[in-house]
Amino acid sequence: MQQLIRFWFGLCLLSAAPQDMPASRAVLVVSVCSYALVSVLLATLSSGFHDGVRVALLELALLGIFTTGLLYLFNRPDRVSQTLAALTGSGSLLGLPTLLLIMLAGSDPAAALPSTAWLLLL
């Protein structure tokens, strides 16, 4: 798991490529589940739990449909699982600081400015 998170960091820093990820169903499942969890948490903050789940599932479905469609269009169907795992894994990793900022800001948008500056210093 730690190696997978390091790989996601490498993707976010553009030092790794999606085709370098192993084409494993287990990696895809872990990536999609983590992305779904972060998406549900983010969507739940702006709407209720049930609407948050619906929004997260719709987002995940659209990501899968468009990614699969584009890869088939460019004759790369063998990279569907790698690309989806890379997109969802790096998306979940990028969603965590967003979740933190929204939670720190609360209902006051002006409160997000100091927490954003703090996050940029890290």
C-alpha atoms as a PDB file:
ATOM      1  CA  MET A   1       0.000   0.000   0.000  1.00  0.00           C
ATOM      2  CA  GLN A   2       2.821   2.368   0.840  1.00  0.00           C
ATOM      3  CA  GLN A   3       4.412   1.706  -2.545  1.00  0.00           C
ATOM      4  CA  LEU A   4       1.112   2.496  -4.259  1.00  0.00           C
ATOM      5  CA  ILE A   5       0.815   5.828  -2.441  1.00  0.00           C
ATOM      6  CA  ARG A   6       4.390   6.672  -3.437  1.00  0.00           C
ATOM      7  CA  PHE A   7       3.503   5.908  -7.031  1.00  0.00           C
ATOM      8  CA  TRP A   8       0.470   8.204  -6.803  1.00  0.00           C
ATOM      9  CA  PHE A   9       2.742  10.951  -5.472  1.00  0.00           C
ATOM     10  CA  GLY A  10       5.035  10.310  -8.430  1.00  0.00           C
ATOM     11  CA  LEU A  11       2.090  10.730 -10.765  1.00  0.00           C
ATOM     12  CA  CYS A  12       1.111  14.009  -9.130  1.00  0.00           C
ATOM     13  CA  LEU A  13       4.694  15.263  -9.395  1.00  0.00           C
ATOM     14  CA  LEU A  14       4.860  14.102 -13.041  1.00  0.00           C
ATOM     15  CA  SER A  15       7.815  11.822 -12.299  1.00  0.00           C
ATOM     16  CA  ALA A  16       5.841   8.659 -13.099  1.00  0.00           C
ATOM     17  CA  ALA A  17       3.570   7.709 -15.975  1.00  0.00           C
ATOM     18  CA  PRO A  18       0.321   5.737 -15.909  1.00  0.00           C
ATOM     19  CA  GLN A  19       1.798   3.005 -18.105  1.00  0.00           C
ATOM     20  CA  ASP A  20       4.400   2.341 -15.392  1.00  0.00           C
ATOM     21  CA  MET A  21       1.649   1.196 -13.017  1.00  0.00           C
ATOM     22  CA  PRO A  22       1.118  -2.561 -12.892  1.00  0.00           C
ATOM     23  CA  ALA A  23      -2.005  -3.698 -14.731  1.00  0.00           C
ATOM     24  CA  SER A  24      -3.536  -5.326 -11.682  1.00  0.00           C
ATOM     25  CA  ARG A  25      -7.193  -5.610 -10.797  1.00  0.00           C
ATOM     26  CA  ALA A  26      -6.334  -5.245  -7.098  1.00  0.00           C
ATOM     27  CA  VAL A  27      -4.554  -1.922  -7.715  1.00  0.00           C
ATOM     28  CA  LEU A  28      -7.527  -0.719  -9.738  1.00  0.00           C
ATOM     29  CA  VAL A  29      -9.991  -1.680  -6.992  1.00  0.00           C
ATOM     30  CA  VAL A  30      -7.949   0.051  -4.270  1.00  0.00           C
ATOM     31  CA  SER A  31      -7.558   3.174  -6.409  1.00  0.00           C
ATOM     32  CA  VAL A  32     -11.240   3.371  -7.331  1.00  0.00           C
ATOM     33  CA  CYS A  33     -12.367   2.751  -3.740  1.00  0.00           C
ATOM     34  CA  SER A  34     -10.076   5.447  -2.347  1.00  0.00           C
ATOM     35  CA  TYR A  35     -11.242   7.892  -5.028  1.00  0.00           C
ATOM     36  CA  ALA A  36     -14.879   7.075  -4.299  1.00  0.00           C
ATOM     37  CA  LEU A  37     -14.356   7.575  -0.565  1.00  0.00           C
ATOM     38  CA  VAL A  38     -12.680  10.959  -1.002  1.00  0.00           C
ATOM     39  CA  SER A  39     -15.318  12.024  -3.545  1.00  0.00           C
ATOM     40  CA  VAL A  40     -18.157  11.043  -1.220  1.00  0.00           C
ATOM     41  CA  LEU A  41     -16.553  12.969   1.645  1.00  0.00           C
ATOM     42  CA  LEU A  42     -16.062  16.070  -0.509  1.00  0.00           C
ATOM     43  CA  ALA A  43     -19.561  15.942  -1.975  1.00  0.00           C
ATOM     44  CA  THR A  44     -21.123  15.297   1.436  1.00  0.00           C
ATOM     45  CA  LEU A  45     -19.674  18.541   2.771  1.00  0.00           C
ATOM     46  CA  SER A  46     -21.579  20.611   0.216  1.00  0.00           C
ATOM     47  CA  SER A  47     -24.771  18.551   0.173  1.00  0.00           C
ATOM     48  CA  GLY A  48     -26.324  15.738   2.151  1.00  0.00           C
ATOM     49  CA  PHE A  49     -24.945  12.229   2.390  1.00  0.00           C
ATOM     50  CA  HIS A  50     -27.308  10.678  -0.140  1.00  0.00           C
ATOM     51  CA  ASP A  51     -26.715  13.425  -2.693  1.00  0.00           C
ATOM     52  CA  GLY A  52     -22.983  13.183  -2.021  1.00  0.00           C
ATOM     53  CA  VAL A  53     -22.997   9.472  -2.793  1.00  0.00           C
ATOM     54  CA  ARG A  54     -24.965  10.083  -5.992  1.00  0.00           C
ATOM     55  CA  VAL A  55     -22.595  12.841  -7.116  1.00  0.00           C
ATOM     56  CA  ALA A  56     -19.522  10.725  -6.360  1.00  0.00           C
ATOM     57  CA  LEU A  57     -20.907   7.704  -8.231  1.00  0.00           C
ATOM     58  CA  LEU A  58     -21.856   9.860 -11.210  1.00  0.00           C
ATOM     59  CA  GLU A  59     -18.388  11.420 -11.233  1.00  0.00           C
ATOM     60  CA  LEU A  60     -16.753   7.996 -11.079  1.00  0.00           C
ATOM     61  CA  ALA A  61     -18.986   6.641 -13.849  1.00  0.00           C
ATOM     62  CA  LEU A  62     -18.251   9.594 -16.132  1.00  0.00           C
ATOM     63  CA  LEU A  63     -14.522   9.282 -15.479  1.00  0.00           C
ATOM     64  CA  GLY A  64     -14.636   5.609 -16.382  1.00  0.00           C
ATOM     65  CA  ILE A  65     -16.777   6.094 -19.483  1.00  0.00           C
ATOM     66  CA  PHE A  66     -14.746   8.962 -20.929  1.00  0.00           C
ATOM     67  CA  THR A  67     -11.384   7.387 -20.137  1.00  0.00           C
ATOM     68  CA  THR A  68     -12.367   4.026 -21.592  1.00  0.00           C
ATOM     69  CA  GLY A  69     -13.906   5.664 -24.648  1.00  0.00           C
ATOM     70  CA  LEU A  70     -10.818   7.750 -25.371  1.00  0.00           C
ATOM     71  CA  LEU A  71      -8.451   4.831 -24.926  1.00  0.00           C
ATOM     72  CA  TYR A  72     -10.522   2.684 -27.294  1.00  0.00           C
ATOM     73  CA  LEU A  73     -10.656   5.588 -29.748  1.00  0.00           C
ATOM     74  CA  PHE A  74      -6.845   5.777 -29.753  1.00  0.00           C
ATOM     75  CA  ASN A  75      -6.445   1.966 -29.943  1.00  0.00           C
ATOM     76  CA  ARG A  76      -5.086   1.581 -26.408  1.00  0.00           C
ATOM     77  CA  PRO A  77      -7.666  -0.710 -24.743  1.00  0.00           C
ATOM     78  CA  ASP A  78      -4.887  -2.563 -22.934  1.00  0.00           C
ATOM     79  CA  ARG A  79      -4.180   0.513 -20.804  1.00  0.00           C
ATOM     80  CA  VAL A  80      -7.682   1.058 -19.457  1.00  0.00           C
ATOM     81  CA  SER A  81      -7.024  -0.418 -16.022  1.00  0.00           C
ATOM     82  CA  GLN A  82      -3.652   1.326 -15.665  1.00  0.00           C
ATOM     83  CA  THR A  83      -5.036   4.699 -16.702  1.00  0.00           C
ATOM     84  CA  LEU A  84      -8.120   4.446 -14.504  1.00  0.00           C
ATOM     85  CA  ALA A  85      -5.994   3.357 -11.543  1.00  0.00           C
ATOM     86  CA  ALA A  86      -3.625   6.276 -12.143  1.00  0.00           C
ATOM     87  CA  LEU A  87      -6.424   8.833 -12.523  1.00  0.00           C
ATOM     88  CA  THR A  88      -8.395   7.681  -9.516  1.00  0.00           C
ATOM     89  CA  GLY A  89      -5.341   7.184  -7.310  1.00  0.00           C
ATOM     90  CA  SER A  90      -3.836  10.574  -8.026  1.00  0.00           C
ATOM     91  CA  GLY A  91      -7.300  12.138  -7.808  1.00  0.00           C
ATOM     92  CA  SER A  92      -7.841  10.743  -4.343  1.00  0.00           C
ATOM     93  CA  LEU A  93      -4.420  11.971  -3.282  1.00  0.00           C
ATOM     94  CA  LEU A  94      -5.170  15.469  -4.586  1.00  0.00           C
ATOM     95  CA  GLY A  95      -8.617  15.407  -2.992  1.00  0.00           C
ATOM     96  CA  LEU A  96      -7.269  14.982   0.541  1.00  0.00           C
ATOM     97  CA  PRO A  97      -5.739  18.501   0.821  1.00  0.00           C
ATOM     98  CA  THR A  98      -8.929  19.891  -0.712  1.00  0.00           C
ATOM     99  CA  LEU A  99     -10.948  18.094   1.935  1.00  0.00           C
ATOM    100  CA  LEU A 100      -8.667  19.500   4.623  1.00  0.00           C
ATOM    101  CA  LEU A 101      -9.033  23.051   3.303  1.00  0.00           C
ATOM    102  CA  ILE A 102     -12.805  22.829   3.130  1.00  0.00           C
ATOM    103  CA  MET A 103     -13.001  21.434   6.641  1.00  0.00           C
ATOM    104  CA  LEU A 104     -10.676  24.146   7.996  1.00  0.00           C
ATOM    105  CA  ALA A 105     -12.610  26.880   6.234  1.00  0.00           C
ATOM    106  CA  GLY A 106     -15.979  25.743   7.533  1.00  0.00           C
ATOM    107  CA  SER A 107     -18.771  28.029   6.430  1.00  0.00           C
ATOM    108  CA  ASP A 108     -16.564  31.134   6.184  1.00  0.00           C
ATOM    109  CA  PRO A 109     -14.775  31.353   2.808  1.00  0.00           C
ATOM    110  CA  ALA A 110     -12.392  33.994   4.178  1.00  0.00           C
ATOM    111  CA  ALA A 111     -11.090  31.451   6.665  1.00  0.00           C
ATOM    112  CA  ALA A 112      -9.765  29.340   3.787  1.00  0.00           C
ATOM    113  CA  LEU A 113      -7.082  31.895   2.947  1.00  0.00           C
ATOM    114  CA  PRO A 114      -4.773  31.261   5.946  1.00  0.00           C
ATOM    115  CA  SER A 115      -5.177  27.502   5.646  1.00  0.00           C
ATOM    116  CA  THR A 116      -4.424  27.664   1.919  1.00  0.00           C
ATOM    117  CA  ALA A 117      -1.274  29.673   2.612  1.00  0.00           C
ATOM    118  CA  TRP A 118      -0.261  27.162   5.283  1.00  0.00           C
ATOM    119  CA  LEU A 119      -0.773  24.267   2.865  1.00  0.00           C
ATOM    120  CA  LEU A 120       1.296  26.001   0.172  1.00  0.00           C
ATOM    121  CA  LEU A 121       4.185  26.382   2.620  1.00  0.00           C
ATOM    122  CA  LEU A 122       4.298  22.618   3.122  1.00  0.00           C
END
